[in-house]
Amino acid sequence: MQDILQTAFREVLKKCIERKKTQKMNQKDFAKIIKLSGTELSNILTGQENIGKKRWNDIVEKLGSSFDVDVKKRVVELIEESLKEKSAKGKTQSEYLEKYKPFELEEQKYIGLLIEIFRGSNKKNIRALKENIGAFYDTRNIKTETETNAIQNDHIKKQHAC
């Protein structure tokens, strides 16, 4: 997921620079606007440097909320492309969760996002996600088939124990 965020940010930043070039502004001038050196900007655009949270927020502050919205839209597009690509190879995210079929389209997107997060390297995000999923699971209002079967089995065992 982190790779998708970084890629989306870079792509939108490159598009922004291209638009500025039509206004006769070069990359070095653009770097000054967002308070980076030309080298830093170049390293970010080529993927040699990642965009940290602080730098991300600083750039968004300089370029405005429309830039942030464009990045988020591109993230969604990249995830959808990734899911389609995996589907074209005969492997969809749904294969990992076959027993929970069928999924609605929105559910499929979120499942794909969750899988990308779990496969990422940010351990804090993974831990936070597990904690939140556990909390939501514990407070849901429906019972899954597995949970219903476990309750029935416990009930049967208690009847036979008497």
N, C-alpha and C. Protein backbone atom coordinates (compact mmCIF):
# COMPACT_ATOMS: atom_id res chain seq x y z
N MET A 1 0.83 -1.19 0.00
CA MET A 1 0.00 0.00 0.00
C MET A 1 0.87 1.25 0.00
N GLN A 2 1.96 1.18 0.77
CA GLN A 2 2.86 2.32 0.84
C GLN A 2 3.39 2.65 -0.54
N ASP A 3 3.71 1.61 -1.32
CA ASP A 3 4.21 1.83 -2.68
C ASP A 3 3.16 2.54 -3.53
N ILE A 4 1.91 2.16 -3.36
CA ILE A 4 0.83 2.77 -4.13
C ILE A 4 0.70 4.25 -3.76
N LEU A 5 0.78 4.55 -2.47
CA LEU A 5 0.70 5.96 -2.04
C LEU A 5 1.85 6.78 -2.62
N GLN A 6 3.05 6.22 -2.53
CA GLN A 6 4.23 6.93 -3.04
C GLN A 6 4.11 7.14 -4.56
N THR A 7 3.69 6.09 -5.27
CA THR A 7 3.54 6.17 -6.73
C THR A 7 2.50 7.22 -7.10
N ALA A 8 1.36 7.18 -6.43
CA ALA A 8 0.29 8.15 -6.73
C ALA A 8 0.78 9.58 -6.48
N PHE A 9 1.46 9.78 -5.37
CA PHE A 9 1.96 11.11 -5.04
C PHE A 9 2.93 11.59 -6.12
N ARG A 10 3.85 10.72 -6.51
CA ARG A 10 4.84 11.09 -7.54
C ARG A 10 4.17 11.43 -8.86
N GLU A 11 3.23 10.59 -9.27
CA GLU A 11 2.56 10.81 -10.56
C GLU A 11 1.80 12.14 -10.57
N VAL A 12 1.08 12.43 -9.50
CA VAL A 12 0.31 13.67 -9.45
C VAL A 12 1.26 14.87 -9.37
N LEU A 13 2.35 14.71 -8.64
CA LEU A 13 3.34 15.77 -8.56
C LEU A 13 3.96 16.04 -9.94
N LYS A 14 4.25 14.99 -10.68
CA LYS A 14 4.80 15.15 -12.04
C LYS A 14 3.80 15.88 -12.94
N LYS A 15 2.53 15.52 -12.84
CA LYS A 15 1.51 16.20 -13.65
C LYS A 15 1.43 17.68 -13.29
N CYS A 16 1.54 17.96 -12.01
CA CYS A 16 1.51 19.35 -11.55
C CYS A 16 2.69 20.12 -12.14
N ILE A 17 3.85 19.50 -12.15
CA ILE A 17 5.04 20.14 -12.71
C ILE A 17 4.85 20.38 -14.21
N GLU A 18 4.27 19.40 -14.89
CA GLU A 18 4.02 19.55 -16.34
C GLU A 18 3.09 20.73 -16.61
N ARG A 19 2.07 20.88 -15.78
CA ARG A 19 1.16 22.02 -15.95
C ARG A 19 1.89 23.35 -15.74
N LYS A 20 2.79 23.36 -14.77
CA LYS A 20 3.56 24.58 -14.49
C LYS A 20 4.53 24.90 -15.64
N LYS A 21 5.00 23.86 -16.32
CA LYS A 21 5.92 24.09 -17.45
C LYS A 21 5.22 24.86 -18.57
N THR A 22 3.92 24.65 -18.71
CA THR A 22 3.17 25.41 -19.73
C THR A 22 3.10 26.88 -19.35
N GLN A 23 3.33 27.16 -18.08
CA GLN A 23 3.35 28.55 -17.59
C GLN A 23 4.79 29.07 -17.53
N LYS A 24 5.68 28.39 -18.25
CA LYS A 24 7.10 28.79 -18.33
C LYS A 24 7.84 28.66 -16.99
N MET A 25 7.44 27.68 -16.18
CA MET A 25 8.12 27.45 -14.91
C MET A 25 8.86 26.12 -15.00
N ASN A 26 10.13 26.12 -14.63
CA ASN A 26 10.89 24.88 -14.69
C ASN A 26 10.81 24.14 -13.35
N GLN A 27 11.39 22.94 -13.32
CA GLN A 27 11.32 22.09 -12.14
C GLN A 27 12.01 22.72 -10.93
N LYS A 28 13.09 23.42 -11.17
CA LYS A 28 13.82 24.07 -10.08
C LYS A 28 12.97 25.17 -9.43
N ASP A 29 12.28 25.95 -10.25
CA ASP A 29 11.38 26.99 -9.73
C ASP A 29 10.23 26.36 -8.94
N PHE A 30 9.71 25.27 -9.48
CA PHE A 30 8.62 24.56 -8.81
C PHE A 30 9.08 24.05 -7.45
N ALA A 31 10.31 23.54 -7.39
CA ALA A 31 10.87 23.05 -6.13
C ALA A 31 10.90 24.15 -5.08
N LYS A 32 11.23 25.35 -5.49
CA LYS A 32 11.27 26.48 -4.56
C LYS A 32 9.88 26.77 -3.99
N ILE A 33 8.86 26.65 -4.84
CA ILE A 33 7.48 26.91 -4.40
C ILE A 33 7.09 25.95 -3.28
N ILE A 34 7.50 24.70 -3.41
CA ILE A 34 7.12 23.71 -2.39
C ILE A 34 8.21 23.53 -1.33
N LYS A 35 9.15 24.47 -1.31
CA LYS A 35 10.19 24.53 -0.28
C LYS A 35 11.10 23.29 -0.26
N LEU A 36 11.51 22.84 -1.45
CA LEU A 36 12.47 21.75 -1.59
C LEU A 36 13.61 22.23 -2.47
N SER A 37 14.74 21.57 -2.35
CA SER A 37 15.82 21.86 -3.29
C SER A 37 15.52 21.12 -4.59
N GLY A 38 16.15 21.53 -5.64
CA GLY A 38 15.96 20.85 -6.92
C GLY A 38 16.34 19.38 -6.84
N THR A 39 17.40 19.08 -6.09
CA THR A 39 17.85 17.70 -5.92
C THR A 39 16.83 16.87 -5.15
N GLU A 40 16.30 17.45 -4.07
CA GLU A 40 15.29 16.73 -3.29
C GLU A 40 14.08 16.39 -4.15
N LEU A 41 13.61 17.37 -4.91
CA LEU A 41 12.45 17.14 -5.78
C LEU A 41 12.77 16.07 -6.81
N SER A 42 13.93 16.15 -7.40
CA SER A 42 14.33 15.17 -8.40
C SER A 42 14.38 13.76 -7.79
N ASN A 43 14.94 13.65 -6.59
CA ASN A 43 15.01 12.35 -5.91
C ASN A 43 13.63 11.80 -5.58
N ILE A 44 12.71 12.67 -5.22
CA ILE A 44 11.34 12.25 -4.94
C ILE A 44 10.68 11.75 -6.23
N LEU A 45 10.83 12.50 -7.29
CA LEU A 45 10.19 12.15 -8.56
C LEU A 45 10.73 10.85 -9.15
N THR A 46 12.01 10.56 -8.90
CA THR A 46 12.61 9.34 -9.45
C THR A 46 12.46 8.15 -8.51
N GLY A 47 11.93 8.38 -7.31
CA GLY A 47 11.73 7.29 -6.37
C GLY A 47 12.95 6.99 -5.51
N GLN A 48 13.97 7.81 -5.62
CA GLN A 48 15.16 7.60 -4.79
C GLN A 48 14.93 8.04 -3.35
N GLU A 49 13.93 8.88 -3.16
CA GLU A 49 13.55 9.35 -1.83
C GLU A 49 12.05 9.18 -1.66
N ASN A 50 11.64 8.65 -0.52
CA ASN A 50 10.21 8.54 -0.25
C ASN A 50 9.69 9.85 0.33
N ILE A 51 8.39 10.00 0.24
CA ILE A 51 7.75 11.18 0.79
C ILE A 51 7.24 10.81 2.18
N GLY A 52 7.81 11.40 3.20
CA GLY A 52 7.36 11.15 4.57
C GLY A 52 6.11 11.94 4.87
N LYS A 53 5.54 11.66 6.03
CA LYS A 53 4.29 12.30 6.43
C LYS A 53 4.43 13.83 6.50
N LYS A 54 5.52 14.30 7.12
CA LYS A 54 5.71 15.74 7.25
C LYS A 54 5.89 16.40 5.89
N ARG A 55 6.74 15.81 5.06
CA ARG A 55 6.98 16.38 3.74
C ARG A 55 5.70 16.35 2.91
N TRP A 56 4.96 15.25 3.01
CA TRP A 56 3.68 15.12 2.31
C TRP A 56 2.77 16.28 2.70
N ASN A 57 2.61 16.49 4.01
CA ASN A 57 1.72 17.55 4.50
C ASN A 57 2.21 18.94 4.07
N ASP A 58 3.53 19.15 4.10
CA ASP A 58 4.09 20.44 3.68
C ASP A 58 3.79 20.72 2.21
N ILE A 59 3.96 19.70 1.38
CA ILE A 59 3.71 19.87 -0.06
C ILE A 59 2.23 20.12 -0.32
N VAL A 60 1.38 19.36 0.35
CA VAL A 60 -0.07 19.54 0.19
C VAL A 60 -0.48 20.94 0.64
N GLU A 61 0.12 21.41 1.71
CA GLU A 61 -0.18 22.76 2.20
C GLU A 61 0.18 23.82 1.15
N LYS A 62 1.30 23.62 0.47
CA LYS A 62 1.75 24.58 -0.54
C LYS A 62 0.91 24.50 -1.83
N LEU A 63 0.49 23.28 -2.20
CA LEU A 63 -0.20 23.10 -3.47
C LEU A 63 -1.72 23.10 -3.35
N GLY A 64 -2.22 22.97 -2.14
CA GLY A 64 -3.66 23.06 -1.92
C GLY A 64 -4.36 21.72 -1.85
N SER A 65 -5.61 21.77 -1.40
CA SER A 65 -6.38 20.55 -1.18
C SER A 65 -6.71 19.83 -2.48
N SER A 66 -6.77 20.55 -3.59
CA SER A 66 -7.08 19.88 -4.86
C SER A 66 -5.95 18.90 -5.22
N PHE A 67 -4.73 19.24 -4.87
CA PHE A 67 -3.60 18.33 -5.09
C PHE A 67 -3.80 17.05 -4.28
N ASP A 68 -4.17 17.21 -3.01
CA ASP A 68 -4.40 16.07 -2.13
C ASP A 68 -5.53 15.19 -2.67
N VAL A 69 -6.60 15.81 -3.14
CA VAL A 69 -7.73 15.07 -3.72
C VAL A 69 -7.27 14.29 -4.96
N ASP A 70 -6.46 14.93 -5.80
CA ASP A 70 -5.93 14.26 -6.99
C ASP A 70 -5.10 13.04 -6.62
N VAL A 71 -4.30 13.16 -5.56
CA VAL A 71 -3.48 12.03 -5.11
C VAL A 71 -4.38 10.89 -4.65
N LYS A 72 -5.39 11.22 -3.86
CA LYS A 72 -6.30 10.18 -3.35
C LYS A 72 -7.06 9.50 -4.49
N LYS A 73 -7.48 10.27 -5.49
CA LYS A 73 -8.15 9.68 -6.65
C LYS A 73 -7.21 8.72 -7.37
N ARG A 74 -5.94 9.13 -7.51
CA ARG A 74 -4.96 8.29 -8.20
C ARG A 74 -4.68 7.01 -7.41
N VAL A 75 -4.70 7.09 -6.09
CA VAL A 75 -4.53 5.89 -5.25
C VAL A 75 -5.63 4.88 -5.57
N VAL A 76 -6.87 5.36 -5.60
CA VAL A 76 -7.99 4.48 -5.91
C VAL A 76 -7.82 3.87 -7.30
N GLU A 77 -7.44 4.68 -8.28
CA GLU A 77 -7.22 4.18 -9.64
C GLU A 77 -6.14 3.11 -9.66
N LEU A 78 -5.05 3.33 -8.96
CA LEU A 78 -3.96 2.36 -8.94
C LEU A 78 -4.38 1.05 -8.29
N ILE A 79 -5.17 1.14 -7.24
CA ILE A 79 -5.67 -0.08 -6.59
C ILE A 79 -6.59 -0.84 -7.52
N GLU A 80 -7.49 -0.11 -8.19
CA GLU A 80 -8.39 -0.77 -9.15
C GLU A 80 -7.61 -1.42 -10.27
N GLU A 81 -6.58 -0.72 -10.78
CA GLU A 81 -5.73 -1.29 -11.83
C GLU A 81 -5.04 -2.56 -11.34
N SER A 82 -4.56 -2.51 -10.10
CA SER A 82 -3.88 -3.66 -9.51
C SER A 82 -4.83 -4.86 -9.40
N LEU A 83 -6.06 -4.59 -8.96
CA LEU A 83 -7.04 -5.67 -8.85
C LEU A 83 -7.39 -6.25 -10.21
N LYS A 84 -7.55 -5.38 -11.22
CA LYS A 84 -7.85 -5.85 -12.57
C LYS A 84 -6.70 -6.67 -13.13
N GLU A 85 -5.48 -6.22 -12.87
CA GLU A 85 -4.29 -6.92 -13.35
C GLU A 85 -4.21 -8.31 -12.73
N LYS A 86 -4.46 -8.40 -11.44
CA LYS A 86 -4.43 -9.70 -10.76
C LYS A 86 -5.56 -10.58 -11.28
N SER A 87 -6.70 -9.95 -11.56
CA SER A 87 -7.83 -10.69 -12.09
C SER A 87 -7.51 -11.23 -13.48
N ALA A 88 -6.84 -10.44 -14.29
CA ALA A 88 -6.47 -10.86 -15.64
C ALA A 88 -5.50 -12.04 -15.61
N LYS A 89 -4.70 -12.13 -14.57
CA LYS A 89 -3.76 -13.24 -14.43
C LYS A 89 -4.46 -14.47 -13.84
N GLY A 90 -5.74 -14.35 -13.57
CA GLY A 90 -6.47 -15.47 -13.01
C GLY A 90 -6.42 -15.51 -11.49
N LYS A 91 -5.83 -14.51 -10.87
CA LYS A 91 -5.74 -14.46 -9.41
C LYS A 91 -6.41 -13.19 -8.93
N THR A 92 -7.50 -13.34 -8.22
CA THR A 92 -8.15 -12.17 -7.66
C THR A 92 -7.99 -12.19 -6.15
N GLN A 93 -8.23 -11.06 -5.53
CA GLN A 93 -8.16 -11.00 -4.08
C GLN A 93 -9.22 -11.93 -3.47
N SER A 94 -10.31 -12.14 -4.19
CA SER A 94 -11.39 -12.98 -3.68
C SER A 94 -10.96 -14.43 -3.49
N GLU A 95 -9.96 -14.87 -4.23
CA GLU A 95 -9.49 -16.25 -4.08
C GLU A 95 -8.98 -16.52 -2.67
N TYR A 96 -8.45 -15.49 -2.03
CA TYR A 96 -7.95 -15.65 -0.68
C TYR A 96 -9.07 -15.78 0.33
N LEU A 97 -10.25 -15.36 -0.05
CA LEU A 97 -11.38 -15.33 0.87
C LEU A 97 -12.59 -16.03 0.24
N GLU A 98 -12.33 -17.15 -0.38
CA GLU A 98 -13.34 -17.86 -1.17
C GLU A 98 -14.62 -18.15 -0.37
N LYS A 99 -14.48 -18.50 0.92
CA LYS A 99 -15.66 -18.87 1.70
C LYS A 99 -16.59 -17.71 2.01
N TYR A 100 -16.13 -16.48 1.79
CA TYR A 100 -16.94 -15.32 2.09
C TYR A 100 -17.65 -14.76 0.86
N LYS A 101 -17.66 -15.49 -0.24
CA LYS A 101 -18.29 -15.01 -1.46
C LYS A 101 -19.79 -14.95 -1.27
N PRO A 102 -20.51 -14.26 -2.08
CA PRO A 102 -20.06 -13.28 -3.06
C PRO A 102 -19.87 -11.90 -2.41
N PHE A 103 -18.98 -11.14 -2.94
CA PHE A 103 -18.72 -9.79 -2.44
C PHE A 103 -19.38 -8.76 -3.34
N GLU A 104 -19.81 -7.70 -2.72
CA GLU A 104 -20.25 -6.54 -3.48
C GLU A 104 -19.00 -5.84 -4.00
N LEU A 105 -19.16 -5.01 -5.03
CA LEU A 105 -18.02 -4.31 -5.62
C LEU A 105 -17.28 -3.47 -4.57
N GLU A 106 -18.02 -2.73 -3.75
CA GLU A 106 -17.39 -1.90 -2.73
C GLU A 106 -16.62 -2.76 -1.73
N GLU A 107 -17.18 -3.92 -1.36
CA GLU A 107 -16.49 -4.82 -0.44
C GLU A 107 -15.19 -5.32 -1.06
N GLN A 108 -15.21 -5.64 -2.34
CA GLN A 108 -14.02 -6.12 -3.03
C GLN A 108 -12.91 -5.07 -2.98
N LYS A 109 -13.27 -3.81 -3.18
CA LYS A 109 -12.26 -2.73 -3.14
C LYS A 109 -11.61 -2.66 -1.77
N TYR A 110 -12.45 -2.70 -0.72
CA TYR A 110 -11.90 -2.59 0.63
C TYR A 110 -11.10 -3.82 1.02
N ILE A 111 -11.53 -4.96 0.59
CA ILE A 111 -10.76 -6.18 0.86
C ILE A 111 -9.39 -6.07 0.19
N GLY A 112 -9.38 -5.59 -1.04
CA GLY A 112 -8.11 -5.38 -1.74
C GLY A 112 -7.21 -4.41 -0.99
N LEU A 113 -7.78 -3.33 -0.49
CA LEU A 113 -7.01 -2.35 0.28
C LEU A 113 -6.44 -2.97 1.55
N LEU A 114 -7.27 -3.74 2.25
CA LEU A 114 -6.81 -4.37 3.48
C LEU A 114 -5.67 -5.34 3.22
N ILE A 115 -5.78 -6.12 2.16
CA ILE A 115 -4.73 -7.07 1.82
C ILE A 115 -3.44 -6.33 1.49
N GLU A 116 -3.54 -5.23 0.76
CA GLU A 116 -2.34 -4.45 0.43
C GLU A 116 -1.69 -3.90 1.70
N ILE A 117 -2.50 -3.45 2.66
CA ILE A 117 -1.95 -2.94 3.92
C ILE A 117 -1.25 -4.06 4.68
N PHE A 118 -1.90 -5.22 4.78
CA PHE A 118 -1.31 -6.33 5.51
C PHE A 118 -0.02 -6.83 4.87
N ARG A 119 0.11 -6.68 3.58
CA ARG A 119 1.32 -7.12 2.89
C ARG A 119 2.40 -6.05 2.88
N GLY A 120 2.07 -4.87 3.39
CA GLY A 120 3.03 -3.77 3.43
C GLY A 120 4.04 -3.95 4.55
N SER A 121 4.96 -3.02 4.62
CA SER A 121 6.04 -3.14 5.61
C SER A 121 5.83 -2.26 6.84
N ASN A 122 4.78 -1.45 6.86
CA ASN A 122 4.55 -0.57 8.00
C ASN A 122 3.86 -1.35 9.12
N LYS A 123 4.64 -1.78 10.09
CA LYS A 123 4.14 -2.63 11.18
C LYS A 123 3.12 -1.90 12.05
N LYS A 124 3.28 -0.58 12.22
CA LYS A 124 2.33 0.18 13.02
C LYS A 124 0.95 0.17 12.36
N ASN A 125 0.92 0.35 11.03
CA ASN A 125 -0.36 0.32 10.31
C ASN A 125 -1.01 -1.05 10.44
N ILE A 126 -0.21 -2.10 10.32
CA ILE A 126 -0.75 -3.46 10.41
C ILE A 126 -1.32 -3.70 11.80
N ARG A 127 -0.58 -3.33 12.83
CA ARG A 127 -1.04 -3.53 14.21
C ARG A 127 -2.32 -2.73 14.47
N ALA A 128 -2.34 -1.46 14.03
CA ALA A 128 -3.53 -0.62 14.24
C ALA A 128 -4.73 -1.19 13.50
N LEU A 129 -4.50 -1.68 12.30
CA LEU A 129 -5.59 -2.26 11.52
C LEU A 129 -6.14 -3.50 12.21
N LYS A 130 -5.27 -4.36 12.72
CA LYS A 130 -5.71 -5.57 13.42
C LYS A 130 -6.54 -5.20 14.65
N GLU A 131 -6.08 -4.19 15.40
CA GLU A 131 -6.80 -3.77 16.60
C GLU A 131 -8.18 -3.24 16.24
N ASN A 132 -8.25 -2.42 15.19
CA ASN A 132 -9.53 -1.85 14.78
C ASN A 132 -10.47 -2.92 14.25
N ILE A 133 -9.94 -3.82 13.44
CA ILE A 133 -10.78 -4.90 12.92
C ILE A 133 -11.32 -5.73 14.07
N GLY A 134 -10.46 -6.04 15.05
CA GLY A 134 -10.91 -6.80 16.21
C GLY A 134 -12.02 -6.09 16.96
N ALA A 135 -11.86 -4.80 17.15
CA ALA A 135 -12.88 -4.02 17.87
C ALA A 135 -14.19 -3.98 17.09
N PHE A 136 -14.11 -3.75 15.79
CA PHE A 136 -15.33 -3.74 14.97
C PHE A 136 -15.98 -5.12 14.95
N TYR A 137 -15.18 -6.17 14.87
CA TYR A 137 -15.72 -7.53 14.83
C TYR A 137 -16.46 -7.84 16.13
N ASP A 138 -15.86 -7.44 17.24
CA ASP A 138 -16.47 -7.71 18.53
C ASP A 138 -17.79 -6.98 18.74
N THR A 139 -17.98 -5.84 18.08
CA THR A 139 -19.18 -5.03 18.30
C THR A 139 -20.17 -5.10 17.14
N ARG A 140 -19.98 -6.01 16.21
CA ARG A 140 -20.90 -6.11 15.07
C ARG A 140 -22.24 -6.67 15.52
N ASN A 141 -23.24 -6.54 14.70
CA ASN A 141 -24.59 -6.98 15.07
C ASN A 141 -25.03 -8.26 14.37
N ILE A 142 -24.14 -8.90 13.62
CA ILE A 142 -24.51 -10.13 12.92
C ILE A 142 -23.59 -11.25 13.37
N LYS A 143 -24.07 -12.45 13.22
CA LYS A 143 -23.26 -13.61 13.54
C LYS A 143 -22.85 -14.29 12.23
N THR A 144 -21.58 -14.67 12.15
CA THR A 144 -21.10 -15.37 10.96
C THR A 144 -21.50 -16.82 11.05
N GLU A 145 -21.40 -17.54 9.94
CA GLU A 145 -21.73 -18.96 9.91
C GLU A 145 -20.85 -19.73 10.88
N THR A 146 -19.57 -19.41 10.92
CA THR A 146 -18.62 -20.07 11.82
C THR A 146 -19.01 -19.85 13.27
N GLU A 147 -19.37 -18.63 13.60
CA GLU A 147 -19.75 -18.30 14.97
C GLU A 147 -21.05 -19.00 15.35
N THR A 148 -22.00 -19.03 14.44
CA THR A 148 -23.27 -19.70 14.70
C THR A 148 -23.05 -21.18 14.94
N ASN A 149 -22.20 -21.82 14.12
CA ASN A 149 -21.89 -23.24 14.30
C ASN A 149 -21.22 -23.49 15.65
N ALA A 150 -20.31 -22.62 16.05
CA ALA A 150 -19.62 -22.78 17.34
C ALA A 150 -20.61 -22.68 18.49
N ILE A 151 -21.55 -21.76 18.41
CA ILE A 151 -22.57 -21.60 19.46
C ILE A 151 -23.44 -22.84 19.53
N GLN A 152 -23.84 -23.37 18.36
CA GLN A 152 -24.66 -24.58 18.32
C GLN A 152 -23.91 -25.77 18.90
N ASN A 153 -22.62 -25.89 18.55
CA ASN A 153 -21.82 -27.01 19.08
C ASN A 153 -21.67 -26.92 20.59
N ASP A 154 -21.47 -25.71 21.12
CA ASP A 154 -21.39 -25.52 22.57
C ASP A 154 -22.70 -25.93 23.24
N HIS A 155 -23.81 -25.55 22.60
CA HIS A 155 -25.13 -25.87 23.15
C HIS A 155 -25.34 -27.38 23.18
N ILE A 156 -24.95 -28.06 22.11
CA ILE A 156 -25.08 -29.53 22.02
C ILE A 156 -24.23 -30.20 23.09
N LYS A 157 -22.99 -29.72 23.25
CA LYS A 157 -22.09 -30.29 24.26
C LYS A 157 -22.67 -30.14 25.67
N LYS A 158 -23.27 -28.98 25.94
CA LYS A 158 -23.86 -28.75 27.27
C LYS A 158 -25.04 -29.68 27.49
N GLN A 159 -25.83 -29.96 26.45
CA GLN A 159 -26.98 -30.86 26.59
C GLN A 159 -26.52 -32.28 26.89
N HIS A 160 -25.45 -32.71 26.22
CA HIS A 160 -24.95 -34.07 26.42
C HIS A 160 -24.21 -34.23 27.73
N ALA A 161 -23.74 -33.14 28.30
CA ALA A 161 -23.01 -33.18 29.56
C ALA A 161 -23.94 -33.44 30.73
N CYS A 162 -25.21 -33.10 30.61
CA CYS A 162 -26.16 -33.25 31.73
C CYS A 162 -26.56 -34.65 31.96
